[in-house]
């Protein structure tokens, strides 16, 4: 089992997970459309039409297709890019008038890289943040399959 901590509350979600992968590899998962499409949404969810202008202030967008036919358009902007240590962006789905702030940090550890992702914004309630946290855990399982070499 991966080394993972999940904390949720009324103000957001924080997940820390250790990956047997490089910081550069994990950073690329967030900033390379081809890689982002593989892990975002978790396994069994198709993501396409990923576009990213990976500069501070640049926009990103992706389209997620759920197994029941539901289509969810995602969008946001890159706020801060410090490759391969830190990434800050906004994240909004089809229903969100206001986006959430997402900050991802990548720290080298003996086992590989510790990635901490925080999503904040207060646009949903505590129960919804718990569900969002569980969703991210599934996304990060898909990311691990993408970046970690088999044991």
N, C-alpha and C. Protein backbone atom coordinates (compact mmCIF):
# COMPACT_ATOMS: atom_id res chain seq x y z
N UNK A 1 0.85 -1.19 0.00
CA UNK A 1 0.00 0.00 0.00
C UNK A 1 0.88 1.24 0.00
N UNK A 2 0.46 2.23 -0.75
CA UNK A 2 1.21 3.48 -0.85
C UNK A 2 1.17 4.24 0.47
N UNK A 3 2.19 5.04 0.71
CA UNK A 3 2.27 5.91 1.88
C UNK A 3 1.41 7.14 1.58
N UNK A 4 0.18 7.20 2.15
CA UNK A 4 -0.79 8.24 1.82
C UNK A 4 -1.43 8.79 3.09
N UNK A 5 -1.62 10.12 3.14
CA UNK A 5 -2.44 10.72 4.18
C UNK A 5 -3.47 11.62 3.50
N UNK A 6 -4.69 11.58 4.00
CA UNK A 6 -5.79 12.39 3.49
C UNK A 6 -6.38 13.16 4.66
N UNK A 7 -6.50 14.47 4.50
CA UNK A 7 -7.13 15.32 5.50
C UNK A 7 -8.19 16.15 4.79
N UNK A 8 -9.42 16.11 5.31
CA UNK A 8 -10.47 16.94 4.73
C UNK A 8 -11.12 17.74 5.84
N UNK A 9 -11.75 18.83 5.46
CA UNK A 9 -12.46 19.67 6.41
C UNK A 9 -13.38 20.61 5.67
N UNK A 10 -13.91 21.56 6.37
CA UNK A 10 -14.86 22.50 5.78
C UNK A 10 -14.20 23.40 4.75
N UNK A 11 -12.87 23.53 4.83
CA UNK A 11 -12.19 24.46 3.93
C UNK A 11 -11.45 23.78 2.78
N UNK A 12 -11.40 22.44 2.74
CA UNK A 12 -10.72 21.81 1.63
C UNK A 12 -10.19 20.43 1.91
N UNK A 13 -9.25 20.04 1.06
CA UNK A 13 -8.66 18.70 1.05
C UNK A 13 -7.15 18.84 0.99
N UNK A 14 -6.44 17.96 1.71
CA UNK A 14 -5.00 17.85 1.56
C UNK A 14 -4.63 16.37 1.53
N UNK A 15 -3.86 16.01 0.51
CA UNK A 15 -3.39 14.64 0.36
C UNK A 15 -1.88 14.67 0.18
N UNK A 16 -1.20 13.83 0.93
CA UNK A 16 0.23 13.61 0.73
C UNK A 16 0.41 12.15 0.38
N UNK A 17 1.16 11.90 -0.69
CA UNK A 17 1.42 10.53 -1.13
C UNK A 17 2.85 10.44 -1.60
N UNK A 18 3.50 9.34 -1.22
CA UNK A 18 4.86 9.08 -1.68
C UNK A 18 4.78 8.16 -2.90
N UNK A 19 5.44 8.59 -3.97
CA UNK A 19 5.51 7.82 -5.21
C UNK A 19 6.94 7.36 -5.42
N UNK A 20 7.11 6.17 -5.94
CA UNK A 20 8.43 5.67 -6.34
C UNK A 20 8.71 6.22 -7.74
N UNK A 21 8.91 7.53 -7.79
CA UNK A 21 9.09 8.24 -9.06
C UNK A 21 9.84 9.54 -8.79
N UNK A 22 10.35 10.14 -9.84
CA UNK A 22 11.09 11.40 -9.71
C UNK A 22 10.14 12.59 -9.60
N UNK A 23 10.66 13.67 -9.04
CA UNK A 23 9.88 14.92 -8.99
C UNK A 23 9.52 15.35 -10.40
N UNK A 24 10.50 15.28 -11.31
CA UNK A 24 10.27 15.72 -12.69
C UNK A 24 9.17 14.90 -13.35
N UNK A 25 9.15 13.59 -13.08
CA UNK A 25 8.11 12.73 -13.65
C UNK A 25 6.73 13.07 -13.14
N UNK A 26 6.61 13.34 -11.85
CA UNK A 26 5.32 13.70 -11.28
C UNK A 26 4.87 15.09 -11.75
N UNK A 27 5.82 16.02 -11.80
CA UNK A 27 5.50 17.36 -12.27
C UNK A 27 4.97 17.28 -13.70
N UNK A 28 5.61 16.44 -14.53
CA UNK A 28 5.18 16.27 -15.93
C UNK A 28 3.75 15.71 -16.00
N UNK A 29 3.36 14.89 -15.05
CA UNK A 29 1.99 14.36 -15.04
C UNK A 29 0.95 15.47 -14.95
N UNK A 30 1.31 16.55 -14.27
CA UNK A 30 0.39 17.68 -14.10
C UNK A 30 0.45 18.67 -15.25
N UNK A 31 1.53 18.65 -16.04
CA UNK A 31 1.76 19.72 -17.02
C UNK A 31 1.89 19.24 -18.46
N UNK A 32 1.76 17.95 -18.70
CA UNK A 32 1.85 17.39 -20.05
C UNK A 32 0.49 16.81 -20.41
N UNK A 33 -0.20 17.38 -21.41
CA UNK A 33 -1.56 16.92 -21.72
C UNK A 33 -1.68 15.41 -21.91
N UNK A 34 -0.77 14.79 -22.61
CA UNK A 34 -0.84 13.35 -22.87
C UNK A 34 -0.81 12.56 -21.56
N UNK A 35 0.02 12.97 -20.60
CA UNK A 35 0.12 12.28 -19.32
C UNK A 35 -1.08 12.61 -18.42
N UNK A 36 -1.48 13.87 -18.40
CA UNK A 36 -2.62 14.31 -17.59
C UNK A 36 -3.86 13.50 -17.95
N UNK A 37 -4.06 13.25 -19.25
CA UNK A 37 -5.23 12.51 -19.72
C UNK A 37 -5.25 11.08 -19.21
N UNK A 38 -4.08 10.52 -18.89
CA UNK A 38 -4.01 9.13 -18.43
C UNK A 38 -4.49 9.00 -16.98
N UNK A 39 -4.10 9.93 -16.11
CA UNK A 39 -4.38 9.75 -14.68
C UNK A 39 -5.57 10.55 -14.18
N UNK A 40 -5.85 11.71 -14.77
CA UNK A 40 -6.92 12.57 -14.25
C UNK A 40 -8.26 11.86 -14.44
N UNK A 41 -8.99 11.69 -13.38
CA UNK A 41 -10.25 10.96 -13.43
C UNK A 41 -10.14 9.55 -12.90
N UNK A 42 -8.93 9.05 -12.75
CA UNK A 42 -8.74 7.69 -12.25
C UNK A 42 -8.89 6.67 -13.36
N UNK A 43 -8.76 5.41 -13.00
CA UNK A 43 -8.85 4.35 -14.01
C UNK A 43 -10.30 4.18 -14.46
N UNK A 44 -10.49 3.85 -15.71
CA UNK A 44 -11.82 3.63 -16.24
C UNK A 44 -12.56 4.88 -16.65
N UNK A 45 -11.94 6.04 -16.54
CA UNK A 45 -12.56 7.29 -16.96
C UNK A 45 -11.75 7.84 -18.13
N UNK A 46 -12.44 8.21 -19.18
CA UNK A 46 -11.75 8.74 -20.35
C UNK A 46 -11.65 10.26 -20.24
N UNK A 47 -10.45 10.76 -20.48
CA UNK A 47 -10.22 12.21 -20.49
C UNK A 47 -9.59 12.55 -21.82
N UNK A 48 -10.17 13.52 -22.52
CA UNK A 48 -9.60 13.94 -23.79
C UNK A 48 -9.69 15.45 -23.91
N UNK A 49 -9.33 15.94 -25.06
CA UNK A 49 -9.32 17.38 -25.32
C UNK A 49 -8.58 18.15 -24.23
N UNK A 50 -7.44 17.62 -23.81
CA UNK A 50 -6.63 18.29 -22.81
C UNK A 50 -5.75 19.33 -23.51
N UNK A 51 -5.88 20.56 -23.11
CA UNK A 51 -5.04 21.64 -23.62
C UNK A 51 -4.43 22.37 -22.44
N UNK A 52 -3.16 22.71 -22.57
CA UNK A 52 -2.47 23.38 -21.47
C UNK A 52 -1.50 24.41 -22.02
N UNK A 53 -1.62 25.63 -21.54
CA UNK A 53 -0.63 26.66 -21.79
C UNK A 53 0.15 26.81 -20.49
N UNK A 54 1.23 26.03 -20.37
CA UNK A 54 1.94 25.90 -19.10
C UNK A 54 2.89 27.07 -18.88
N UNK A 55 2.28 28.21 -18.62
CA UNK A 55 2.98 29.43 -18.20
C UNK A 55 2.12 30.06 -17.11
N UNK A 56 2.72 30.85 -16.26
CA UNK A 56 1.92 31.51 -15.23
C UNK A 56 0.86 32.38 -15.89
N UNK A 57 -0.39 32.17 -15.53
CA UNK A 57 -1.51 32.87 -16.14
C UNK A 57 -2.12 32.10 -17.31
N UNK A 58 -1.43 31.06 -17.78
CA UNK A 58 -1.91 30.27 -18.91
C UNK A 58 -3.10 29.41 -18.52
N UNK A 59 -3.96 29.16 -19.48
CA UNK A 59 -5.17 28.38 -19.24
C UNK A 59 -4.92 26.90 -19.49
N UNK A 60 -5.75 26.08 -18.85
CA UNK A 60 -5.77 24.65 -19.13
C UNK A 60 -7.24 24.22 -19.16
N UNK A 61 -7.51 23.14 -19.89
CA UNK A 61 -8.87 22.60 -19.95
C UNK A 61 -8.77 21.11 -20.31
N UNK A 62 -9.78 20.37 -19.87
CA UNK A 62 -9.87 18.95 -20.18
C UNK A 62 -11.33 18.54 -20.16
N UNK A 63 -11.65 17.49 -20.92
CA UNK A 63 -13.01 16.96 -20.94
C UNK A 63 -12.99 15.53 -20.42
N UNK A 64 -13.80 15.27 -19.40
CA UNK A 64 -13.89 13.96 -18.76
C UNK A 64 -15.22 13.31 -19.15
N UNK A 65 -15.14 12.05 -19.60
CA UNK A 65 -16.34 11.31 -19.93
C UNK A 65 -16.50 10.16 -18.94
N UNK A 66 -17.58 10.19 -18.15
CA UNK A 66 -17.84 9.14 -17.18
C UNK A 66 -18.51 7.95 -17.86
N UNK A 67 -18.48 6.81 -17.21
CA UNK A 67 -19.01 5.58 -17.80
C UNK A 67 -20.51 5.65 -18.08
N UNK A 68 -21.23 6.53 -17.37
CA UNK A 68 -22.68 6.67 -17.61
C UNK A 68 -23.00 7.66 -18.72
N UNK A 69 -21.96 8.16 -19.41
CA UNK A 69 -22.16 9.10 -20.50
C UNK A 69 -22.07 10.56 -20.10
N UNK A 70 -21.98 10.83 -18.81
CA UNK A 70 -21.86 12.21 -18.34
C UNK A 70 -20.53 12.80 -18.82
N UNK A 71 -20.59 14.03 -19.31
CA UNK A 71 -19.39 14.75 -19.74
C UNK A 71 -19.16 15.90 -18.77
N UNK A 72 -17.94 15.97 -18.25
CA UNK A 72 -17.58 17.04 -17.31
C UNK A 72 -16.43 17.85 -17.91
N UNK A 73 -16.70 19.11 -18.26
CA UNK A 73 -15.60 19.97 -18.71
C UNK A 73 -14.89 20.58 -17.50
N UNK A 74 -13.57 20.49 -17.49
CA UNK A 74 -12.74 21.07 -16.44
C UNK A 74 -11.95 22.21 -17.03
N UNK A 75 -11.63 23.20 -16.21
CA UNK A 75 -10.86 24.35 -16.69
C UNK A 75 -10.15 25.02 -15.52
N UNK A 76 -9.19 25.84 -15.87
CA UNK A 76 -8.48 26.60 -14.86
C UNK A 76 -7.33 27.36 -15.47
N UNK A 77 -6.50 27.91 -14.59
CA UNK A 77 -5.31 28.67 -15.00
C UNK A 77 -4.14 28.25 -14.12
N UNK A 78 -2.97 28.33 -14.68
CA UNK A 78 -1.76 28.11 -13.91
C UNK A 78 -1.42 29.41 -13.20
N UNK A 79 -1.26 29.35 -11.90
CA UNK A 79 -1.00 30.53 -11.08
C UNK A 79 0.50 30.66 -10.80
N UNK A 80 1.15 29.53 -10.50
CA UNK A 80 2.58 29.53 -10.19
C UNK A 80 3.19 28.23 -10.69
N UNK A 81 4.35 28.36 -11.33
CA UNK A 81 5.05 27.19 -11.86
C UNK A 81 6.51 27.28 -11.44
N UNK A 82 6.94 26.36 -10.58
CA UNK A 82 8.33 26.28 -10.15
C UNK A 82 8.76 24.82 -10.38
N UNK A 83 9.13 24.53 -11.62
CA UNK A 83 9.45 23.16 -12.02
C UNK A 83 10.76 22.70 -11.40
N UNK A 84 10.82 21.51 -10.85
CA UNK A 84 9.78 20.51 -10.61
C UNK A 84 9.32 20.47 -9.16
N UNK A 85 9.33 21.63 -8.48
CA UNK A 85 9.06 21.64 -7.04
C UNK A 85 7.65 22.03 -6.63
N UNK A 86 7.00 22.91 -7.40
CA UNK A 86 5.72 23.45 -6.94
C UNK A 86 4.88 23.89 -8.14
N UNK A 87 3.58 23.66 -8.01
CA UNK A 87 2.64 24.05 -9.05
C UNK A 87 1.38 24.54 -8.36
N UNK A 88 0.90 25.70 -8.77
CA UNK A 88 -0.37 26.23 -8.26
C UNK A 88 -1.26 26.52 -9.45
N UNK A 89 -2.52 26.10 -9.33
CA UNK A 89 -3.46 26.30 -10.42
C UNK A 89 -4.86 26.43 -9.87
N UNK A 90 -5.77 26.86 -10.72
CA UNK A 90 -7.18 26.87 -10.35
C UNK A 90 -7.84 25.70 -11.05
N UNK A 91 -8.97 25.25 -10.47
CA UNK A 91 -9.68 24.08 -10.95
C UNK A 91 -11.17 24.34 -10.82
N UNK A 92 -11.89 24.23 -11.93
CA UNK A 92 -13.34 24.41 -11.90
C UNK A 92 -13.97 23.40 -12.85
N UNK A 93 -15.13 22.87 -12.44
CA UNK A 93 -15.87 21.97 -13.33
C UNK A 93 -17.05 22.72 -13.93
N UNK A 94 -17.91 22.00 -14.60
CA UNK A 94 -19.04 22.61 -15.32
C UNK A 94 -19.96 23.40 -14.41
N UNK A 95 -20.07 23.02 -13.15
CA UNK A 95 -21.02 23.65 -12.25
C UNK A 95 -20.42 24.80 -11.45
N UNK A 96 -19.11 24.92 -11.46
CA UNK A 96 -18.45 25.88 -10.58
C UNK A 96 -18.32 27.24 -11.25
N UNK A 97 -18.96 28.23 -10.67
CA UNK A 97 -18.77 29.59 -11.15
C UNK A 97 -17.38 30.07 -10.74
N UNK A 98 -16.96 29.66 -9.55
CA UNK A 98 -15.65 30.02 -9.03
C UNK A 98 -14.81 28.77 -8.93
N UNK A 99 -13.56 28.88 -9.24
CA UNK A 99 -12.68 27.73 -9.14
C UNK A 99 -12.11 27.56 -7.75
N UNK A 100 -11.57 26.39 -7.54
CA UNK A 100 -10.85 26.07 -6.32
C UNK A 100 -9.36 26.30 -6.59
N UNK A 101 -8.63 26.61 -5.54
CA UNK A 101 -7.17 26.76 -5.64
C UNK A 101 -6.53 25.41 -5.35
N UNK A 102 -5.65 24.97 -6.23
CA UNK A 102 -4.93 23.71 -6.06
C UNK A 102 -3.44 24.03 -6.02
N UNK A 103 -2.77 23.55 -4.98
CA UNK A 103 -1.31 23.71 -4.85
C UNK A 103 -0.72 22.33 -4.70
N UNK A 104 0.28 22.05 -5.52
CA UNK A 104 0.95 20.75 -5.49
C UNK A 104 2.44 20.99 -5.27
N UNK A 105 3.00 20.31 -4.27
CA UNK A 105 4.44 20.40 -4.03
C UNK A 105 5.05 19.00 -4.19
N UNK A 106 6.30 18.99 -4.62
CA UNK A 106 7.01 17.75 -4.89
C UNK A 106 8.33 17.80 -4.14
N UNK A 107 8.52 16.89 -3.17
CA UNK A 107 9.72 16.86 -2.35
C UNK A 107 10.41 15.52 -2.48
N UNK A 108 11.71 15.55 -2.72
CA UNK A 108 12.48 14.31 -2.81
C UNK A 108 12.55 13.66 -1.43
N UNK A 109 12.31 12.35 -1.40
CA UNK A 109 12.44 11.54 -0.18
C UNK A 109 13.17 10.26 -0.57
N UNK A 110 13.59 9.50 0.43
CA UNK A 110 14.35 8.27 0.15
C UNK A 110 13.60 7.32 -0.79
N UNK A 111 12.28 7.23 -0.65
CA UNK A 111 11.49 6.29 -1.45
C UNK A 111 11.15 6.83 -2.84
N UNK A 112 11.47 8.09 -3.12
CA UNK A 112 11.15 8.70 -4.41
C UNK A 112 10.75 10.15 -4.25
N UNK A 113 9.44 10.43 -4.36
CA UNK A 113 8.95 11.80 -4.25
C UNK A 113 7.68 11.82 -3.41
N UNK A 114 7.65 12.74 -2.46
CA UNK A 114 6.44 12.99 -1.68
C UNK A 114 5.70 14.14 -2.37
N UNK A 115 4.49 13.86 -2.82
CA UNK A 115 3.67 14.88 -3.47
C UNK A 115 2.55 15.26 -2.51
N UNK A 116 2.41 16.55 -2.24
CA UNK A 116 1.32 17.06 -1.42
C UNK A 116 0.44 17.93 -2.30
N UNK A 117 -0.85 17.58 -2.34
CA UNK A 117 -1.83 18.33 -3.12
C UNK A 117 -2.86 18.90 -2.15
N UNK A 118 -3.08 20.19 -2.24
CA UNK A 118 -4.08 20.86 -1.42
C UNK A 118 -5.09 21.52 -2.35
N UNK A 119 -6.37 21.28 -2.09
CA UNK A 119 -7.45 21.94 -2.83
C UNK A 119 -8.27 22.72 -1.83
N UNK A 120 -8.40 24.02 -2.05
CA UNK A 120 -9.14 24.88 -1.14
C UNK A 120 -10.01 25.84 -1.95
N UNK A 121 -11.01 26.34 -1.31
CA UNK A 121 -11.85 27.35 -1.95
C UNK A 121 -13.14 27.61 -1.21
N UNK A 122 -13.58 26.61 -0.44
CA UNK A 122 -14.80 26.79 0.33
C UNK A 122 -16.05 26.84 -0.53
N UNK A 123 -15.98 26.29 -1.74
CA UNK A 123 -17.14 26.32 -2.64
C UNK A 123 -18.09 25.15 -2.42
N UNK A 124 -17.69 24.20 -1.59
CA UNK A 124 -18.54 23.05 -1.28
C UNK A 124 -18.50 22.80 0.22
N UNK A 125 -19.35 21.89 0.70
CA UNK A 125 -19.37 21.64 2.14
C UNK A 125 -18.38 20.53 2.52
N UNK A 126 -18.29 20.27 3.82
CA UNK A 126 -17.31 19.32 4.33
C UNK A 126 -17.51 17.91 3.77
N UNK A 127 -18.76 17.47 3.65
CA UNK A 127 -19.04 16.14 3.10
C UNK A 127 -18.59 16.05 1.64
N UNK A 128 -18.79 17.12 0.89
CA UNK A 128 -18.35 17.13 -0.51
C UNK A 128 -16.82 17.12 -0.59
N UNK A 129 -16.15 17.82 0.32
CA UNK A 129 -14.68 17.77 0.32
C UNK A 129 -14.19 16.35 0.64
N UNK A 130 -14.91 15.64 1.49
CA UNK A 130 -14.54 14.25 1.77
C UNK A 130 -14.65 13.42 0.49
N UNK A 131 -15.74 13.60 -0.26
CA UNK A 131 -15.92 12.87 -1.52
C UNK A 131 -14.86 13.28 -2.54
N UNK A 132 -14.55 14.56 -2.59
CA UNK A 132 -13.50 15.05 -3.50
C UNK A 132 -12.17 14.40 -3.14
N UNK A 133 -11.86 14.33 -1.85
CA UNK A 133 -10.62 13.69 -1.41
C UNK A 133 -10.54 12.24 -1.84
N UNK A 134 -11.65 11.52 -1.70
CA UNK A 134 -11.67 10.12 -2.14
C UNK A 134 -11.46 10.03 -3.65
N UNK A 135 -12.03 10.97 -4.38
CA UNK A 135 -11.82 11.00 -5.83
C UNK A 135 -10.37 11.20 -6.19
N UNK A 136 -9.72 12.17 -5.53
CA UNK A 136 -8.29 12.41 -5.78
C UNK A 136 -7.46 11.17 -5.48
N UNK A 137 -7.82 10.45 -4.42
CA UNK A 137 -7.06 9.22 -4.10
C UNK A 137 -7.09 8.26 -5.29
N UNK A 138 -8.24 8.11 -5.93
CA UNK A 138 -8.34 7.27 -7.11
C UNK A 138 -7.53 7.82 -8.28
N UNK A 139 -7.55 9.14 -8.44
CA UNK A 139 -6.74 9.77 -9.49
C UNK A 139 -5.26 9.43 -9.26
N UNK A 140 -4.83 9.55 -8.00
CA UNK A 140 -3.41 9.34 -7.71
C UNK A 140 -3.02 7.87 -7.81
N UNK A 141 -3.97 6.94 -7.61
CA UNK A 141 -3.69 5.54 -7.89
C UNK A 141 -3.37 5.36 -9.38
N UNK A 142 -4.14 6.01 -10.23
CA UNK A 142 -3.89 5.96 -11.67
C UNK A 142 -2.55 6.60 -12.02
N UNK A 143 -2.22 7.70 -11.33
CA UNK A 143 -0.93 8.35 -11.55
C UNK A 143 0.21 7.40 -11.18
N UNK A 144 0.05 6.70 -10.06
CA UNK A 144 1.10 5.74 -9.63
C UNK A 144 1.31 4.68 -10.69
N UNK A 145 0.24 4.16 -11.27
CA UNK A 145 0.38 3.16 -12.32
C UNK A 145 1.13 3.71 -13.52
N UNK A 146 1.00 4.99 -13.76
CA UNK A 146 1.67 5.64 -14.88
C UNK A 146 3.15 5.86 -14.63
N UNK A 147 3.53 6.25 -13.41
CA UNK A 147 4.91 6.68 -13.17
C UNK A 147 5.79 5.70 -12.43
N UNK A 148 5.19 4.76 -11.72
CA UNK A 148 6.00 3.85 -10.90
C UNK A 148 6.34 2.58 -11.66
N UNK A 149 7.60 2.20 -11.57
CA UNK A 149 8.03 0.93 -12.19
C UNK A 149 7.47 -0.23 -11.39
N UNK A 150 7.11 -1.34 -12.05
CA UNK A 150 6.62 -2.49 -11.30
C UNK A 150 7.65 -2.99 -10.30
N UNK A 151 7.18 -3.46 -9.17
CA UNK A 151 8.09 -3.94 -8.11
C UNK A 151 8.67 -5.29 -8.45
